[in-house]
Amino acid sequence: MKLGNGFVALVTAAVTCVSATPLKPVDLSSELKNITAVGDPIEPRKMEDGSPWCRQPTDYSNAGAFRTMENIDYLRRVGGLCPTAPGSDKGQCNRVACQWRSAIYVCNDNDFPVSPECNYVADLAQIIFDKCRNPRKERHHEVHGFANEGHQNWSVVVADGDC
């Protein structure tokens, strides 16, 4: 059943009864026709480490694949701690690499600043690149995705950047 934005609902039911009289099976299929989603959509930042959330290709907000690889190489060359802005607040994303409108961001979901290792940021960006790259034309590839670090409550985003 489609709920919009590509989400799919899976409805299951389990019933345990103790009765001396045998129960008749219940057909729930007619009851499931008009289900509407209640609550907030699934939050991609809760996904497991190493399982990126990939955005569908559009005409905007995607990073170029070639420049993304250059950004990953740059982060590996920098080494050490990634250059996040001082005092990064909860929910804030800082651009750590960017060229030709292709960027890598570190997003902090903590109440305190984080300074992850650049090599680890590059590793997560590589996972996004490998799993979220989408060829739109023969010579043009785009990438847009998100990967959660998982243990320290920060994430990496590969997307369009203002550079």
N, C-alpha and C. Protein backbone atom coordinates (compact mmCIF):
# COMPACT_ATOMS: atom_id res chain seq x y z
N MET A 1 0.84 -1.16 0.00
CA MET A 1 0.00 0.00 0.00
C MET A 1 0.88 1.23 0.00
N LYS A 2 0.72 2.15 -0.91
CA LYS A 2 1.51 3.37 -1.01
C LYS A 2 0.98 4.40 -0.03
N LEU A 3 1.90 5.08 0.69
CA LEU A 3 1.52 6.12 1.64
C LEU A 3 2.00 7.49 1.20
N GLY A 4 2.60 7.61 0.03
CA GLY A 4 3.17 8.88 -0.41
C GLY A 4 4.65 8.91 -0.15
N ASN A 5 5.37 9.68 -0.94
CA ASN A 5 6.82 9.81 -0.83
C ASN A 5 7.53 8.47 -0.89
N GLY A 6 6.91 7.48 -1.47
CA GLY A 6 7.56 6.20 -1.67
C GLY A 6 7.54 5.29 -0.45
N PHE A 7 6.88 5.67 0.65
CA PHE A 7 6.82 4.82 1.81
C PHE A 7 5.79 3.72 1.59
N VAL A 8 6.05 2.56 2.12
CA VAL A 8 5.15 1.43 1.96
C VAL A 8 4.78 0.93 3.35
N ALA A 9 3.51 0.70 3.59
CA ALA A 9 3.06 0.20 4.88
C ALA A 9 2.98 -1.32 4.82
N LEU A 10 3.44 -1.95 5.85
CA LEU A 10 3.32 -3.40 5.98
C LEU A 10 2.44 -3.63 7.20
N VAL A 11 1.31 -4.24 7.00
CA VAL A 11 0.36 -4.44 8.08
C VAL A 11 0.33 -5.92 8.41
N THR A 12 0.58 -6.22 9.67
CA THR A 12 0.50 -7.60 10.12
C THR A 12 -0.34 -7.63 11.39
N ALA A 13 -0.92 -8.75 11.69
CA ALA A 13 -1.71 -8.89 12.91
C ALA A 13 -1.39 -10.22 13.55
N ALA A 14 -1.31 -10.21 14.86
CA ALA A 14 -1.11 -11.45 15.61
C ALA A 14 -2.13 -11.46 16.73
N VAL A 15 -2.86 -12.56 16.87
CA VAL A 15 -3.90 -12.66 17.89
C VAL A 15 -3.66 -13.95 18.66
N THR A 16 -3.64 -13.82 19.98
CA THR A 16 -3.52 -15.00 20.83
C THR A 16 -4.77 -15.04 21.71
N CYS A 17 -5.51 -16.10 21.63
CA CYS A 17 -6.75 -16.24 22.40
C CYS A 17 -6.75 -17.58 23.09
N VAL A 18 -7.34 -17.60 24.26
CA VAL A 18 -7.58 -18.86 24.96
C VAL A 18 -9.09 -19.01 25.03
N SER A 19 -9.60 -20.04 24.39
CA SER A 19 -11.05 -20.22 24.33
C SER A 19 -11.37 -21.69 24.19
N ALA A 20 -12.46 -22.09 24.82
CA ALA A 20 -12.91 -23.47 24.67
C ALA A 20 -13.63 -23.65 23.35
N THR A 21 -14.14 -22.56 22.79
CA THR A 21 -14.86 -22.61 21.52
C THR A 21 -13.90 -22.25 20.40
N PRO A 22 -13.81 -23.08 19.35
CA PRO A 22 -12.92 -22.73 18.24
C PRO A 22 -13.35 -21.41 17.60
N LEU A 23 -12.37 -20.59 17.24
CA LEU A 23 -12.64 -19.29 16.63
C LEU A 23 -12.63 -19.41 15.12
N LYS A 24 -13.47 -18.61 14.47
CA LYS A 24 -13.48 -18.56 13.01
C LYS A 24 -12.36 -17.63 12.55
N PRO A 25 -11.71 -17.95 11.43
CA PRO A 25 -10.70 -17.03 10.88
C PRO A 25 -11.37 -15.70 10.51
N VAL A 26 -10.63 -14.62 10.69
CA VAL A 26 -11.14 -13.29 10.37
C VAL A 26 -10.43 -12.78 9.13
N ASP A 27 -11.19 -12.31 8.16
CA ASP A 27 -10.62 -11.73 6.94
C ASP A 27 -10.50 -10.22 7.13
N LEU A 28 -9.27 -9.73 7.25
CA LEU A 28 -9.03 -8.30 7.46
C LEU A 28 -8.80 -7.54 6.16
N SER A 29 -8.79 -8.22 5.03
CA SER A 29 -8.44 -7.54 3.78
C SER A 29 -9.39 -6.40 3.45
N SER A 30 -10.68 -6.54 3.74
CA SER A 30 -11.60 -5.45 3.43
C SER A 30 -11.44 -4.29 4.40
N GLU A 31 -10.88 -4.53 5.57
CA GLU A 31 -10.68 -3.48 6.56
C GLU A 31 -9.45 -2.62 6.26
N LEU A 32 -8.59 -3.04 5.35
CA LEU A 32 -7.32 -2.36 5.13
C LEU A 32 -7.33 -1.44 3.91
N LYS A 33 -8.47 -1.19 3.33
CA LYS A 33 -8.50 -0.42 2.10
C LYS A 33 -8.24 1.07 2.29
N ASN A 34 -8.65 1.64 3.40
CA ASN A 34 -8.56 3.09 3.58
C ASN A 34 -7.64 3.47 4.74
N ILE A 35 -6.47 2.93 4.75
CA ILE A 35 -5.50 3.26 5.80
C ILE A 35 -4.79 4.55 5.43
N THR A 36 -4.65 5.43 6.40
CA THR A 36 -3.87 6.65 6.18
C THR A 36 -2.72 6.66 7.18
N ALA A 37 -1.61 7.24 6.76
CA ALA A 37 -0.44 7.31 7.62
C ALA A 37 -0.67 8.31 8.74
N VAL A 38 -0.27 7.94 9.95
CA VAL A 38 -0.38 8.82 11.09
C VAL A 38 1.01 8.99 11.66
N GLY A 39 1.39 10.22 11.99
CA GLY A 39 2.69 10.46 12.58
C GLY A 39 3.67 11.02 11.57
N ASP A 40 4.90 11.12 12.00
CA ASP A 40 5.95 11.70 11.18
C ASP A 40 6.51 10.67 10.23
N PRO A 41 7.04 11.11 9.06
CA PRO A 41 7.68 10.16 8.15
C PRO A 41 8.93 9.57 8.78
N ILE A 42 9.40 8.48 8.21
CA ILE A 42 10.61 7.83 8.70
C ILE A 42 11.77 8.80 8.62
N GLU A 43 12.53 8.91 9.68
CA GLU A 43 13.68 9.82 9.75
C GLU A 43 14.91 9.09 9.23
N PRO A 44 15.48 9.52 8.08
CA PRO A 44 16.62 8.82 7.51
C PRO A 44 17.83 8.77 8.44
N ARG A 45 17.97 9.72 9.36
CA ARG A 45 19.14 9.76 10.22
C ARG A 45 19.16 8.64 11.24
N LYS A 46 18.13 7.86 11.31
CA LYS A 46 18.10 6.74 12.25
C LYS A 46 18.54 5.44 11.59
N MET A 47 18.97 5.50 10.35
CA MET A 47 19.38 4.28 9.65
C MET A 47 20.70 3.78 10.22
N GLU A 48 20.96 2.52 10.02
CA GLU A 48 22.16 1.90 10.54
C GLU A 48 23.41 2.44 9.87
N ASP A 49 24.51 2.37 10.61
CA ASP A 49 25.81 2.77 10.09
C ASP A 49 26.12 1.98 8.82
N GLY A 50 26.55 2.66 7.78
CA GLY A 50 26.94 2.00 6.54
C GLY A 50 25.80 1.75 5.58
N SER A 51 24.58 2.11 5.95
CA SER A 51 23.43 1.95 5.05
C SER A 51 22.92 3.34 4.68
N PRO A 52 23.43 3.93 3.62
CA PRO A 52 23.05 5.31 3.32
C PRO A 52 21.62 5.43 2.82
N TRP A 53 21.09 6.59 3.03
CA TRP A 53 19.81 6.98 2.45
C TRP A 53 20.14 7.76 1.20
N CYS A 54 19.65 7.31 0.05
CA CYS A 54 19.97 7.95 -1.23
C CYS A 54 18.78 8.76 -1.71
N ARG A 55 19.05 9.96 -2.14
CA ARG A 55 17.99 10.81 -2.69
C ARG A 55 17.84 10.51 -4.17
N GLN A 56 16.63 10.58 -4.66
CA GLN A 56 16.37 10.36 -6.08
C GLN A 56 16.94 11.51 -6.90
N PRO A 57 17.40 11.24 -8.12
CA PRO A 57 18.00 12.30 -8.93
C PRO A 57 16.98 13.37 -9.30
N THR A 58 17.44 14.60 -9.26
CA THR A 58 16.63 15.75 -9.68
C THR A 58 17.54 16.65 -10.49
N ASP A 59 17.03 17.75 -10.94
CA ASP A 59 17.86 18.68 -11.70
C ASP A 59 18.67 19.60 -10.79
N TYR A 60 18.49 19.52 -9.51
CA TYR A 60 19.21 20.37 -8.58
C TYR A 60 19.57 19.55 -7.34
N SER A 61 20.40 20.09 -6.52
CA SER A 61 20.80 19.57 -5.21
C SER A 61 21.63 18.29 -5.25
N ASN A 62 22.07 17.86 -6.41
CA ASN A 62 22.95 16.69 -6.49
C ASN A 62 24.39 17.14 -6.69
N ALA A 63 25.30 16.35 -6.20
CA ALA A 63 26.72 16.61 -6.40
C ALA A 63 27.19 15.82 -7.62
N GLY A 64 28.13 16.37 -8.35
CA GLY A 64 28.72 15.65 -9.46
C GLY A 64 29.62 14.54 -8.95
N ALA A 65 29.56 13.38 -9.58
CA ALA A 65 30.31 12.22 -9.11
C ALA A 65 31.82 12.44 -9.18
N PHE A 66 32.32 13.02 -10.27
CA PHE A 66 33.75 13.23 -10.42
C PHE A 66 34.28 14.16 -9.33
N ARG A 67 33.56 15.27 -9.09
CA ARG A 67 33.98 16.22 -8.05
C ARG A 67 33.83 15.62 -6.66
N THR A 68 32.86 14.76 -6.47
CA THR A 68 32.71 14.09 -5.18
C THR A 68 33.92 13.21 -4.90
N MET A 69 34.40 12.49 -5.91
CA MET A 69 35.61 11.68 -5.72
C MET A 69 36.81 12.56 -5.39
N GLU A 70 36.91 13.72 -6.04
CA GLU A 70 37.99 14.65 -5.71
C GLU A 70 37.87 15.14 -4.27
N ASN A 71 36.65 15.40 -3.81
CA ASN A 71 36.44 15.82 -2.42
C ASN A 71 36.82 14.72 -1.44
N ILE A 72 36.49 13.48 -1.77
CA ILE A 72 36.87 12.35 -0.91
C ILE A 72 38.39 12.24 -0.85
N ASP A 73 39.05 12.34 -1.99
CA ASP A 73 40.52 12.30 -2.02
C ASP A 73 41.12 13.44 -1.20
N TYR A 74 40.52 14.63 -1.30
CA TYR A 74 40.99 15.79 -0.53
C TYR A 74 40.91 15.50 0.97
N LEU A 75 39.79 14.95 1.44
CA LEU A 75 39.64 14.65 2.87
C LEU A 75 40.66 13.62 3.32
N ARG A 76 40.98 12.65 2.48
CA ARG A 76 42.00 11.66 2.84
C ARG A 76 43.38 12.31 2.93
N ARG A 77 43.66 13.28 2.04
CA ARG A 77 44.95 13.98 2.09
C ARG A 77 45.06 14.88 3.32
N VAL A 78 43.96 15.51 3.71
CA VAL A 78 43.97 16.40 4.87
C VAL A 78 44.30 15.60 6.12
N GLY A 79 43.67 14.44 6.28
CA GLY A 79 43.91 13.61 7.46
C GLY A 79 43.54 14.36 8.74
N GLY A 80 43.89 13.80 9.86
CA GLY A 80 43.60 14.46 11.14
C GLY A 80 42.12 14.69 11.34
N LEU A 81 41.82 15.75 12.09
CA LEU A 81 40.42 16.07 12.36
C LEU A 81 39.85 16.91 11.24
N CYS A 82 38.61 16.63 10.89
CA CYS A 82 37.95 17.37 9.81
C CYS A 82 37.65 18.79 10.26
N PRO A 83 37.77 19.73 9.36
CA PRO A 83 37.63 21.15 9.72
C PRO A 83 36.17 21.56 9.91
N THR A 84 35.57 21.17 11.04
CA THR A 84 34.21 21.60 11.33
C THR A 84 34.26 22.96 12.00
N ALA A 85 33.21 23.74 11.83
CA ALA A 85 33.17 25.08 12.43
C ALA A 85 33.12 24.96 13.95
N PRO A 86 33.82 25.87 14.65
CA PRO A 86 33.77 25.82 16.11
C PRO A 86 32.35 26.05 16.61
N GLY A 87 31.98 25.34 17.66
CA GLY A 87 30.66 25.53 18.25
C GLY A 87 29.52 25.00 17.41
N SER A 88 29.78 23.96 16.62
CA SER A 88 28.71 23.38 15.81
C SER A 88 27.58 22.93 16.73
N ASP A 89 26.39 23.42 16.46
CA ASP A 89 25.25 23.12 17.32
C ASP A 89 24.47 21.93 16.81
N LYS A 90 23.60 21.41 17.69
CA LYS A 90 22.76 20.26 17.35
C LYS A 90 21.97 20.54 16.07
N GLY A 91 22.04 19.59 15.13
CA GLY A 91 21.30 19.72 13.89
C GLY A 91 21.97 20.58 12.84
N GLN A 92 23.16 21.08 13.11
CA GLN A 92 23.86 21.94 12.17
C GLN A 92 24.78 21.13 11.28
N CYS A 93 24.84 21.49 9.99
CA CYS A 93 25.74 20.83 9.05
C CYS A 93 26.84 21.80 8.64
N ASN A 94 28.07 21.31 8.60
CA ASN A 94 29.22 22.11 8.19
C ASN A 94 29.84 21.50 6.96
N ARG A 95 30.10 22.33 5.97
CA ARG A 95 30.73 21.86 4.73
C ARG A 95 32.21 21.66 5.02
N VAL A 96 32.72 20.44 4.73
CA VAL A 96 34.12 20.13 4.99
C VAL A 96 34.93 19.98 3.72
N ALA A 97 34.26 19.84 2.58
CA ALA A 97 34.94 19.78 1.28
C ALA A 97 33.94 20.23 0.22
N CYS A 98 34.44 21.03 -0.75
CA CYS A 98 33.52 21.52 -1.78
C CYS A 98 34.30 22.03 -2.98
N GLN A 99 33.87 21.63 -4.16
CA GLN A 99 34.38 22.20 -5.40
C GLN A 99 33.37 22.00 -6.51
N TRP A 100 33.24 23.02 -7.32
CA TRP A 100 32.34 22.99 -8.47
C TRP A 100 30.94 22.51 -8.09
N ARG A 101 30.38 23.08 -7.03
CA ARG A 101 29.01 22.81 -6.58
C ARG A 101 28.79 21.37 -6.11
N SER A 102 29.85 20.69 -5.74
CA SER A 102 29.75 19.34 -5.18
C SER A 102 30.38 19.38 -3.80
N ALA A 103 29.61 19.03 -2.77
CA ALA A 103 30.09 19.22 -1.40
C ALA A 103 29.91 17.97 -0.55
N ILE A 104 30.71 17.92 0.52
CA ILE A 104 30.57 16.94 1.58
C ILE A 104 30.37 17.72 2.87
N TYR A 105 29.33 17.35 3.62
CA TYR A 105 28.99 18.02 4.87
C TYR A 105 29.08 17.04 6.02
N VAL A 106 29.43 17.55 7.22
CA VAL A 106 29.31 16.80 8.46
C VAL A 106 28.17 17.44 9.23
N CYS A 107 27.17 16.64 9.60
CA CYS A 107 26.00 17.14 10.34
C CYS A 107 26.06 16.60 11.76
N ASN A 108 25.91 17.50 12.72
CA ASN A 108 26.03 17.17 14.13
C ASN A 108 24.66 17.15 14.79
N ASP A 109 24.28 16.03 15.37
CA ASP A 109 23.00 15.92 16.09
C ASP A 109 23.21 15.89 17.60
N ASN A 110 24.38 16.28 18.05
CA ASN A 110 24.68 16.34 19.48
C ASN A 110 24.44 17.75 20.01
N ASP A 111 24.50 17.89 21.33
CA ASP A 111 24.40 19.20 21.97
C ASP A 111 25.79 19.81 22.18
N PHE A 112 26.81 19.23 21.58
CA PHE A 112 28.18 19.71 21.73
C PHE A 112 28.89 19.57 20.39
N PRO A 113 29.98 20.31 20.18
CA PRO A 113 30.71 20.24 18.90
C PRO A 113 31.34 18.86 18.68
N VAL A 114 31.52 18.51 17.42
CA VAL A 114 32.22 17.28 17.06
C VAL A 114 33.31 17.61 16.05
N SER A 115 34.39 16.85 16.09
CA SER A 115 35.48 16.98 15.13
C SER A 115 35.92 15.58 14.72
N PRO A 116 35.21 14.97 13.78
CA PRO A 116 35.54 13.60 13.37
C PRO A 116 36.83 13.55 12.55
N GLU A 117 37.42 12.37 12.50
CA GLU A 117 38.59 12.15 11.66
C GLU A 117 38.19 12.32 10.19
N CYS A 118 38.99 13.07 9.44
CA CYS A 118 38.69 13.29 8.02
C CYS A 118 38.66 11.98 7.24
N ASN A 119 39.52 11.03 7.59
CA ASN A 119 39.50 9.75 6.89
C ASN A 119 38.19 9.01 7.09
N TYR A 120 37.61 9.11 8.30
CA TYR A 120 36.33 8.45 8.56
C TYR A 120 35.20 9.15 7.81
N VAL A 121 35.24 10.48 7.76
CA VAL A 121 34.26 11.23 6.96
C VAL A 121 34.37 10.80 5.50
N ALA A 122 35.61 10.67 5.01
CA ALA A 122 35.84 10.22 3.62
C ALA A 122 35.29 8.81 3.41
N ASP A 123 35.46 7.92 4.41
CA ASP A 123 34.92 6.56 4.30
C ASP A 123 33.40 6.57 4.14
N LEU A 124 32.71 7.37 4.95
CA LEU A 124 31.25 7.45 4.84
C LEU A 124 30.83 8.09 3.53
N ALA A 125 31.57 9.11 3.08
CA ALA A 125 31.27 9.73 1.78
C ALA A 125 31.48 8.72 0.65
N GLN A 126 32.48 7.85 0.79
CA GLN A 126 32.73 6.81 -0.21
C GLN A 126 31.56 5.82 -0.27
N ILE A 127 31.02 5.46 0.90
CA ILE A 127 29.85 4.57 0.94
C ILE A 127 28.68 5.22 0.21
N ILE A 128 28.46 6.51 0.48
CA ILE A 128 27.39 7.24 -0.21
C ILE A 128 27.65 7.23 -1.71
N PHE A 129 28.88 7.52 -2.10
CA PHE A 129 29.25 7.55 -3.52
C PHE A 129 28.97 6.19 -4.18
N ASP A 130 29.42 5.12 -3.52
CA ASP A 130 29.27 3.78 -4.10
C ASP A 130 27.81 3.33 -4.21
N LYS A 131 27.00 3.68 -3.23
CA LYS A 131 25.62 3.19 -3.21
C LYS A 131 24.59 4.16 -3.78
N CYS A 132 24.93 5.45 -3.87
CA CYS A 132 23.94 6.45 -4.27
C CYS A 132 24.24 7.10 -5.62
N ARG A 133 25.33 6.73 -6.25
CA ARG A 133 25.67 7.33 -7.56
C ARG A 133 24.62 6.91 -8.57
N ASN A 134 24.18 7.85 -9.36
CA ASN A 134 23.11 7.58 -10.32
C ASN A 134 23.47 8.18 -11.67
N PRO A 135 23.71 7.35 -12.69
CA PRO A 135 24.02 7.89 -14.01
C PRO A 135 22.76 8.47 -14.66
N ARG A 136 22.82 9.76 -14.99
CA ARG A 136 21.68 10.39 -15.67
C ARG A 136 21.92 10.47 -17.16
N LYS A 137 23.17 10.58 -17.54
CA LYS A 137 23.54 10.59 -18.95
C LYS A 137 24.79 9.73 -19.07
N GLU A 138 25.18 9.42 -20.28
CA GLU A 138 26.32 8.52 -20.48
C GLU A 138 27.59 9.02 -19.79
N ARG A 139 27.89 10.31 -19.86
CA ARG A 139 29.13 10.82 -19.29
C ARG A 139 28.91 11.64 -18.03
N HIS A 140 27.68 11.69 -17.53
CA HIS A 140 27.40 12.54 -16.39
C HIS A 140 26.76 11.71 -15.28
N HIS A 141 27.38 11.67 -14.15
CA HIS A 141 26.84 10.95 -13.00
C HIS A 141 26.59 11.94 -11.87
N GLU A 142 25.57 11.68 -11.08
CA GLU A 142 25.28 12.52 -9.94
C GLU A 142 25.17 11.67 -8.69
N VAL A 143 25.38 12.34 -7.56
CA VAL A 143 25.33 11.66 -6.28
C VAL A 143 24.61 12.56 -5.29
N HIS A 144 23.76 11.99 -4.46
CA HIS A 144 23.13 12.74 -3.37
C HIS A 144 22.71 11.71 -2.34
N GLY A 145 23.28 11.80 -1.15
CA GLY A 145 22.93 10.81 -0.14
C GLY A 145 23.38 11.22 1.24
N PHE A 146 23.04 10.39 2.20
CA PHE A 146 23.25 10.65 3.61
C PHE A 146 23.66 9.34 4.28
N ALA A 147 24.68 9.38 5.14
CA ALA A 147 25.08 8.19 5.90
C ALA A 147 25.29 8.59 7.36
N ASN A 148 24.69 7.83 8.26
CA ASN A 148 24.78 8.10 9.68
C ASN A 148 26.01 7.42 10.25
N GLU A 149 26.76 8.14 11.09
CA GLU A 149 27.92 7.55 11.74
C GLU A 149 27.47 6.44 12.67
N GLY A 150 26.37 6.63 13.36
CA GLY A 150 25.77 5.56 14.13
C GLY A 150 26.10 5.52 15.61
N HIS A 151 27.30 5.89 16.02
CA HIS A 151 27.68 5.73 17.41
C HIS A 151 27.88 7.07 18.12
N GLN A 152 28.26 8.10 17.41
CA GLN A 152 28.54 9.39 18.03
C GLN A 152 27.54 10.46 17.60
N ASN A 153 26.46 10.05 16.95
CA ASN A 153 25.34 10.93 16.63
C ASN A 153 25.70 12.07 15.68
N TRP A 154 26.49 11.76 14.66
CA TRP A 154 26.74 12.71 13.58
C TRP A 154 26.66 11.95 12.26
N SER A 155 26.58 12.69 11.17
CA SER A 155 26.38 12.06 9.87
C SER A 155 27.11 12.82 8.78
N VAL A 156 27.17 12.20 7.61
CA VAL A 156 27.82 12.80 6.44
C VAL A 156 26.78 12.90 5.33
N VAL A 157 26.77 14.04 4.65
CA VAL A 157 25.86 14.27 3.53
C VAL A 157 26.70 14.63 2.31
N VAL A 158 26.39 14.04 1.17
CA VAL A 158 26.99 14.42 -0.12
C VAL A 158 25.86 15.04 -0.93
N ALA A 159 26.06 16.31 -1.33
CA ALA A 159 25.01 17.04 -2.04
C ALA A 159 25.62 18.24 -2.75
N ASP A 160 24.77 19.00 -3.39
CA ASP A 160 25.16 20.25 -4.03
C ASP A 160 25.72 21.20 -2.97
N GLY A 161 26.71 21.99 -3.36
CA GLY A 161 27.27 22.98 -2.45
C GLY A 161 27.45 24.31 -3.14
N ASP A 162 27.42 25.38 -2.38
CA ASP A 162 27.58 26.73 -2.92
C ASP A 162 29.06 27.07 -2.98
N CYS A 163 29.75 26.49 -3.96
CA CYS A 163 31.19 26.73 -4.08
C CYS A 163 31.60 26.73 -5.55
